[in-house]
PDB file of N, CA and C in Angstrom:
ATOM      1  N   UNK A   1      13.678 110.640  95.496  1.00  0.00           N
ATOM      2  CA  UNK A   1      13.969 111.604  95.432  1.00  0.00           C
ATOM      3  C   UNK A   1      13.306 112.260  97.183  1.00  0.00           C
ATOM      4  N   UNK A   2      13.707 112.228  98.127  1.00  0.00           N
ATOM      5  CA  UNK A   2      12.945 112.936  98.884  1.00  0.00           C
ATOM      6  C   UNK A   2      12.957 114.462  99.177  1.00  0.00           C
ATOM      7  N   UNK A   3      11.420 114.385  99.168  1.00  0.00           N
ATOM      8  CA  UNK A   3      10.657 116.029  99.807  1.00  0.00           C
ATOM      9  C   UNK A   3      11.429 116.063 100.954  1.00  0.00           C
ATOM     10  N   UNK A   4      11.332 117.095 101.538  1.00  0.00           N
ATOM     11  CA  UNK A   4      11.724 118.294 102.810  1.00  0.00           C
ATOM     12  C   UNK A   4      10.298 117.878 103.206  1.00  0.00           C
ATOM     13  N   UNK A   5       9.936 117.627 104.030  1.00  0.00           N
ATOM     14  CA  UNK A   5       8.670 117.312 105.116  1.00  0.00           C
ATOM     15  C   UNK A   5       8.491 118.595 105.759  1.00  0.00           C
ATOM     16  N   UNK A   6       7.814 119.236 105.896  1.00  0.00           N
ATOM     17  CA  UNK A   6       6.964 120.503 106.350  1.00  0.00           C
ATOM     18  C   UNK A   6       6.476 121.225 105.960  1.00  0.00           C
ATOM     19  N   UNK A   7       6.021 122.312 106.411  1.00  0.00           N
ATOM     20  CA  UNK A   7       4.616 123.307 105.694  1.00  0.00           C
ATOM     21  C   UNK A   7       4.237 123.943 104.338  1.00  0.00           C
ATOM     22  N   UNK A   8       3.857 123.138 103.875  1.00  0.00           N
ATOM     23  CA  UNK A   8       3.495 123.382 102.674  1.00  0.00           C
ATOM     24  C   UNK A   8       2.873 124.891 102.162  1.00  0.00           C
ATOM     25  N   UNK A   9       4.236 125.537 101.070  1.00  0.00           N
ATOM     26  CA  UNK A   9       4.130 126.829 100.788  1.00  0.00           C
ATOM     27  C   UNK A   9       2.893 127.312  99.536  1.00  0.00           C
ATOM     28  N   UNK A  10       2.537 127.951  99.376  1.00  0.00           N
ATOM     29  CA  UNK A  10       1.645 127.612  98.107  1.00  0.00           C
ATOM     30  C   UNK A  10       2.136 129.010  97.778  1.00  0.00           C
ATOM     31  N   UNK A  11       2.146 128.936  96.016  1.00  0.00           N
ATOM     32  CA  UNK A  11       2.845 129.025  95.337  1.00  0.00           C
ATOM     33  C   UNK A  11       2.031 130.577  94.597  1.00  0.00           C
ATOM     34  N   UNK A  12       0.834 129.927  94.307  1.00  0.00           N
ATOM     35  CA  UNK A  12      -0.328 131.044  93.406  1.00  0.00           C
ATOM     36  C   UNK A  12      -1.199 131.451  94.621  1.00  0.00           C
ATOM     37  N   UNK A  13      -1.702 132.836  94.047  1.00  0.00           N
ATOM     38  CA  UNK A  13      -2.635 133.747  94.625  1.00  0.00           C
ATOM     39  C   UNK A  13      -1.723 134.739  95.114  1.00  0.00           C
ATOM     40  N   UNK A  14      -2.673 135.519  95.815  1.00  0.00           N
ATOM     41  CA  UNK A  14      -2.053 136.593  96.573  1.00  0.00           C
ATOM     42  C   UNK A  14      -1.352 136.162  98.320  1.00  0.00           C
ATOM     43  N   UNK A  15      -0.914 137.107  98.719  1.00  0.00           N
ATOM     44  CA  UNK A  15      -0.196 136.838  99.384  1.00  0.00           C
ATOM     45  C   UNK A  15      -0.984 136.973 101.183  1.00  0.00           C
ATOM     46  N   UNK A  16      -0.977 136.342 101.924  1.00  0.00           N
ATOM     47  CA  UNK A  16      -1.695 137.032 103.318  1.00  0.00           C
ATOM     48  C   UNK A  16      -1.848 138.671 103.843  1.00  0.00           C
ATOM     49  N   UNK A  17      -0.060 138.941 103.319  1.00  0.00           N
ATOM     50  CA  UNK A  17      -0.211 140.563 103.543  1.00  0.00           C
ATOM     51  C   UNK A  17      -1.166 141.459 102.757  1.00  0.00           C
ATOM     52  N   UNK A  18      -0.565 140.850 101.246  1.00  0.00           N
ATOM     53  CA  UNK A  18      -1.352 142.189 100.575  1.00  0.00           C
ATOM     54  C   UNK A  18      -2.735 141.933 100.308  1.00  0.00           C
ATOM     55  N   UNK A  19      -3.813 140.667 101.157  1.00  0.00           N
ATOM     56  CA  UNK A  19      -5.021 140.550 100.621  1.00  0.00           C
ATOM     57  C   UNK A  19      -5.324 141.357 102.381  1.00  0.00           C
ATOM     58  N   UNK A  20      -4.672 142.223 102.969  1.00  0.00           N
ATOM     59  CA  UNK A  20      -4.925 142.893 104.045  1.00  0.00           C
ATOM     60  C   UNK A  20      -4.478 144.410 104.123  1.00  0.00           C
ATOM     61  N   UNK A  21      -3.792 144.296 103.105  1.00  0.00           N
ATOM     62  CA  UNK A  21      -3.112 146.056 102.862  1.00  0.00           C
ATOM     63  C   UNK A  21      -4.888 146.642 102.753  1.00  0.00           C
ATOM     64  N   UNK A  22      -6.243 146.411 101.817  1.00  0.00           N
ATOM     65  CA  UNK A  22      -6.974 147.363 101.125  1.00  0.00           C
ATOM     66  C   UNK A  22      -7.680 147.804 102.635  1.00  0.00           C
ATOM     67  N   UNK A  23      -7.952 146.877 103.658  1.00  0.00           N
ATOM     68  CA  UNK A  23      -8.652 146.264 104.597  1.00  0.00           C
ATOM     69  C   UNK A  23      -7.714 147.814 105.598  1.00  0.00           C
ATOM     70  N   UNK A  24      -6.870 147.922 105.655  1.00  0.00           N
ATOM     71  CA  UNK A  24      -6.288 148.608 106.269  1.00  0.00           C
ATOM     72  C   UNK A  24      -6.140 150.255 106.074  1.00  0.00           C
ATOM     73  N   UNK A  25      -6.160 150.226 104.971  1.00  0.00           N
ATOM     74  CA  UNK A  25      -5.963 151.559 104.217  1.00  0.00           C
ATOM     75  C   UNK A  25      -6.640 152.656 104.787  1.00  0.00           C
ATOM     76  N   UNK A  26      -8.002 152.601 104.720  1.00  0.00           N
ATOM     77  CA  UNK A  26      -9.112 153.572 105.393  1.00  0.00           C
ATOM     78  C   UNK A  26      -8.333 153.843 107.107  1.00  0.00           C
ATOM     79  N   UNK A  27      -8.387 153.519 108.122  1.00  0.00           N
ATOM     80  CA  UNK A  27      -7.744 153.651 108.980  1.00  0.00           C
ATOM     81  C   UNK A  27      -6.160 153.930 108.947  1.00  0.00           C
ATOM     82  N   UNK A  28      -5.125 153.298 108.450  1.00  0.00           N
ATOM     83  CA  UNK A  28      -3.956 154.337 108.101  1.00  0.00           C
ATOM     84  C   UNK A  28      -4.546 155.387 107.561  1.00  0.00           C
ATOM     85  N   UNK A  29      -5.274 156.105 106.126  1.00  0.00           N
ATOM     86  CA  UNK A  29      -5.778 157.656 106.149  1.00  0.00           C
ATOM     87  C   UNK A  29      -6.457 158.579 107.212  1.00  0.00           C
ATOM     88  N   UNK A  30      -7.687 157.551 107.923  1.00  0.00           N
ATOM     89  CA  UNK A  30      -7.635 158.087 109.447  1.00  0.00           C
ATOM     90  C   UNK A  30      -6.926 158.527 110.006  1.00  0.00           C
ATOM     91  N   UNK A  31      -6.432 157.807 110.172  1.00  0.00           N
ATOM     92  CA  UNK A  31      -5.136 157.968 111.555  1.00  0.00           C
ATOM     93  C   UNK A  31      -3.572 159.483 111.176  1.00  0.00           C
ATOM     94  N   UNK A  32      -3.570 159.339 109.828  1.00  0.00           N
ATOM     95  CA  UNK A  32      -3.185 160.494 109.083  1.00  0.00           C
ATOM     96  C   UNK A  32      -3.495 161.676 108.816  1.00  0.00           C
ATOM     97  N   UNK A  33      -4.664 161.886 108.819  1.00  0.00           N
ATOM     98  CA  UNK A  33      -5.271 162.983 109.544  1.00  0.00           C
ATOM     99  C   UNK A  33      -5.698 163.351 110.243  1.00  0.00           C
ATOM    100  N   UNK A  34      -5.943 162.463 111.406  1.00  0.00           N
ATOM    101  CA  UNK A  34      -6.217 162.795 112.604  1.00  0.00           C
ATOM    102  C   UNK A  34      -5.063 163.139 113.384  1.00  0.00           C
ATOM    103  N   UNK A  35      -3.654 163.002 112.747  1.00  0.00           N
ATOM    104  CA  UNK A  35      -2.253 163.717 113.513  1.00  0.00           C
ATOM    105  C   UNK A  35      -2.299 164.431 112.781  1.00  0.00           C
ATOM    106  N   UNK A  36      -2.401 165.021 111.144  1.00  0.00           N
ATOM    107  CA  UNK A  36      -2.380 166.264 110.999  1.00  0.00           C
ATOM    108  C   UNK A  36      -2.846 167.121 112.078  1.00  0.00           C
ATOM    109  N   UNK A  37      -4.105 166.885 111.996  1.00  0.00           N
ATOM    110  CA  UNK A  37      -5.440 167.769 112.345  1.00  0.00           C
ATOM    111  C   UNK A  37      -4.795 168.350 113.840  1.00  0.00           C
ATOM    112  N   UNK A  38      -4.207 167.498 114.586  1.00  0.00           N
ATOM    113  CA  UNK A  38      -3.585 167.167 115.703  1.00  0.00           C
ATOM    114  C   UNK A  38      -2.455 168.425 116.204  1.00  0.00           C
ATOM    115  N   UNK A  39      -1.465 167.959 115.321  1.00  0.00           N
ATOM    116  CA  UNK A  39      -0.332 168.939 115.307  1.00  0.00           C
ATOM    117  C   UNK A  39      -0.808 170.327 114.754  1.00  0.00           C
ATOM    118  N   UNK A  40      -1.204 170.336 113.986  1.00  0.00           N
ATOM    119  CA  UNK A  40      -2.002 172.130 113.595  1.00  0.00           C
ATOM    120  C   UNK A  40      -2.610 172.290 114.658  1.00  0.00           C
ATOM    121  N   UNK A  41      -3.555 171.215 114.977  1.00  0.00           N
ATOM    122  CA  UNK A  41      -3.827 172.495 116.194  1.00  0.00           C
ATOM    123  C   UNK A  41      -3.212 172.803 117.349  1.00  0.00           C
ATOM    124  N   UNK A  42      -2.439 171.943 117.856  1.00  0.00           N
ATOM    125  CA  UNK A  42      -0.996 172.253 118.644  1.00  0.00           C
ATOM    126  C   UNK A  42      -0.476 173.450 118.342  1.00  0.00           C
ATOM    127  N   UNK A  43      -0.149 173.716 116.925  1.00  0.00           N
ATOM    128  CA  UNK A  43       1.132 174.624 116.765  1.00  0.00           C
ATOM    129  C   UNK A  43       0.489 175.811 116.613  1.00  0.00           C
ATOM    130  N   UNK A  44      -1.596 175.804 115.938  1.00  0.00           N
ATOM    131  CA  UNK A  44      -1.848 176.782 116.576  1.00  0.00           C
ATOM    132  C   UNK A  44      -2.465 177.723 117.614  1.00  0.00           C
ATOM    133  N   UNK A  45      -2.147 176.804 118.548  1.00  0.00           N
ATOM    134  CA  UNK A  45      -3.051 177.691 119.766  1.00  0.00           C
ATOM    135  C   UNK A  45      -1.185 177.959 120.105  1.00  0.00           C
ATOM    136  N   UNK A  46       0.222 177.595 120.040  1.00  0.00           N
ATOM    137  CA  UNK A  46       1.262 177.447 120.423  1.00  0.00           C
ATOM    138  C   UNK A  46       1.231 179.496 120.048  1.00  0.00           C
ATOM    139  N   UNK A  47       0.829 178.927 118.372  1.00  0.00           N
ATOM    140  CA  UNK A  47       1.540 180.558 117.877  1.00  0.00           C
ATOM    141  C   UNK A  47       0.179 182.026 118.413  1.00  0.00           C
ATOM    142  N   UNK A  48      -1.102 181.417 118.554  1.00  0.00           N
ATOM    143  CA  UNK A  48      -2.383 181.990 119.040  1.00  0.00           C
ATOM    144  C   UNK A  48      -1.313 182.540 120.869  1.00  0.00           C
ATOM    145  N   UNK A  49      -1.517 181.604 121.246  1.00  0.00           N
ATOM    146  CA  UNK A  49      -0.883 181.695 122.779  1.00  0.00           C
ATOM    147  C   UNK A  49       0.586 182.756 122.727  1.00  0.00           C
ATOM    148  N   UNK A  50       1.154 182.762 121.309  1.00  0.00           N
ATOM    149  CA  UNK A  50       3.428 183.672 121.312  1.00  0.00           C
ATOM    150  C   UNK A  50       2.435 185.008 121.167  1.00  0.00           C
ATOM    151  N   UNK A  51       1.586 185.606 120.174  1.00  0.00           N
ATOM    152  CA  UNK A  51       0.997 186.135 119.625  1.00  0.00           C
ATOM    153  C   UNK A  51       0.533 187.393 121.313  1.00  0.00           C
ATOM    154  N   UNK A  52      -0.437 186.764 121.849  1.00  0.00           N
ATOM    155  CA  UNK A  52      -0.915 187.428 123.102  1.00  0.00           C
ATOM    156  C   UNK A  52       0.462 187.598 124.211  1.00  0.00           C
ATOM    157  N   UNK A  53       1.779 186.723 123.969  1.00  0.00           N
ATOM    158  CA  UNK A  53       2.569 187.284 125.065  1.00  0.00           C
ATOM    159  C   UNK A  53       3.583 187.710 124.413  1.00  0.00           C
ATOM    160  N   UNK A  54       3.142 188.146 123.249  1.00  0.00           N
ATOM    161  CA  UNK A  54       4.939 188.985 122.846  1.00  0.00           C
ATOM    162  C   UNK A  54       4.382 190.333 123.184  1.00  0.00           C
ATOM    163  N   UNK A  55       3.554 190.983 123.498  1.00  0.00           N
ATOM    164  CA  UNK A  55       3.875 192.174 123.789  1.00  0.00           C
ATOM    165  C   UNK A  55       3.035 193.217 122.970  1.00  0.00           C
ATOM    166  N   UNK A  56       3.119 193.068 121.869  1.00  0.00           N
ATOM    167  CA  UNK A  56       2.783 193.663 120.667  1.00  0.00           C
ATOM    168  C   UNK A  56       1.096 193.863 121.162  1.00  0.00           C
ATOM    169  N   UNK A  57       0.481 195.299 121.022  1.00  0.00           N
ATOM    170  CA  UNK A  57      -1.076 195.142 121.003  1.00  0.00           C
ATOM    171  C   UNK A  57      -2.061 194.424 119.992  1.00  0.00           C
ATOM    172  N   UNK A  58      -2.684 194.441 121.135  1.00  0.00           N
ATOM    173  CA  UNK A  58      -4.242 193.508 121.090  1.00  0.00           C
ATOM    174  C   UNK A  58      -5.148 194.430 120.061  1.00  0.00           C
ATOM    175  N   UNK A  59      -6.001 193.650 119.436  1.00  0.00           N
ATOM    176  CA  UNK A  59      -7.233 194.661 118.555  1.00  0.00           C
ATOM    177  C   UNK A  59      -7.913 195.203 120.134  1.00  0.00           C
ATOM    178  N   UNK A  60      -8.125 194.576 121.077  1.00  0.00           N
ATOM    179  CA  UNK A  60      -8.749 194.785 122.469  1.00  0.00           C
ATOM    180  C   UNK A  60      -7.867 196.061 122.700  1.00  0.00           C
ATOM    181  N   UNK A  61      -6.744 195.703 123.526  1.00  0.00           N
ATOM    182  CA  UNK A  61      -6.044 196.925 123.130  1.00  0.00           C
ATOM    183  C   UNK A  61      -6.450 198.186 122.757  1.00  0.00           C
ATOM    184  N   UNK A  62      -5.684 197.756 121.274  1.00  0.00           N
ATOM    185  CA  UNK A  62      -6.650 199.320 120.354  1.00  0.00           C
ATOM    186  C   UNK A  62      -7.710 200.124 120.619  1.00  0.00           C
ATOM    187  N   UNK A  63      -8.716 199.606 120.867  1.00  0.00           N
ATOM    188  CA  UNK A  63     -10.593 199.621 121.274  1.00  0.00           C
ATOM    189  C   UNK A  63     -10.265 200.466 122.492  1.00  0.00           C
ATOM    190  N   UNK A  64      -9.023 199.692 123.424  1.00  0.00           N
ATOM    191  CA  UNK A  64      -9.142 200.500 124.686  1.00  0.00           C
ATOM    192  C   UNK A  64      -9.194 201.872 125.409  1.00  0.00           C
ATOM    193  N   UNK A  65      -7.804 202.259 124.077  1.00  0.00           N
ATOM    194  CA  UNK A  65      -6.744 202.876 124.183  1.00  0.00           C
ATOM    195  C   UNK A  65      -7.922 204.444 123.557  1.00  0.00           C
ATOM    196  N   UNK A  66      -8.451 204.234 122.409  1.00  0.00           N
ATOM    197  CA  UNK A  66      -9.492 204.685 121.561  1.00  0.00           C
ATOM    198  C   UNK A  66     -10.249 205.692 122.665  1.00  0.00           C
ATOM    199  N   UNK A  67     -11.365 204.539 123.039  1.00  0.00           N
ATOM    200  CA  UNK A  67     -11.850 204.826 124.121  1.00  0.00           C
ATOM    201  C   UNK A  67     -11.455 206.075 124.954  1.00  0.00           C
ATOM    202  N   UNK A  68     -10.325 206.223 125.238  1.00  0.00           N
ATOM    203  CA  UNK A  68      -9.382 206.342 126.598  1.00  0.00           C
ATOM    204  C   UNK A  68      -9.650 208.019 126.419  1.00  0.00           C
TER     205      UNK A  68
END
């Protein structure tokens, strides 16, 4: 019986990708946290600037009117 010559594949033990997943988990988690924090900051900044530009009186404007 002829056996094909070529690379031998180990059928037992964890695969190389399965072994590297736990080491990548903190990196992926940190990337997700940083991405979400960036998205929150961008939307917060956009919302804050939209409040300033929409023409509604702000707290400082009300204080100025009360002083007059």
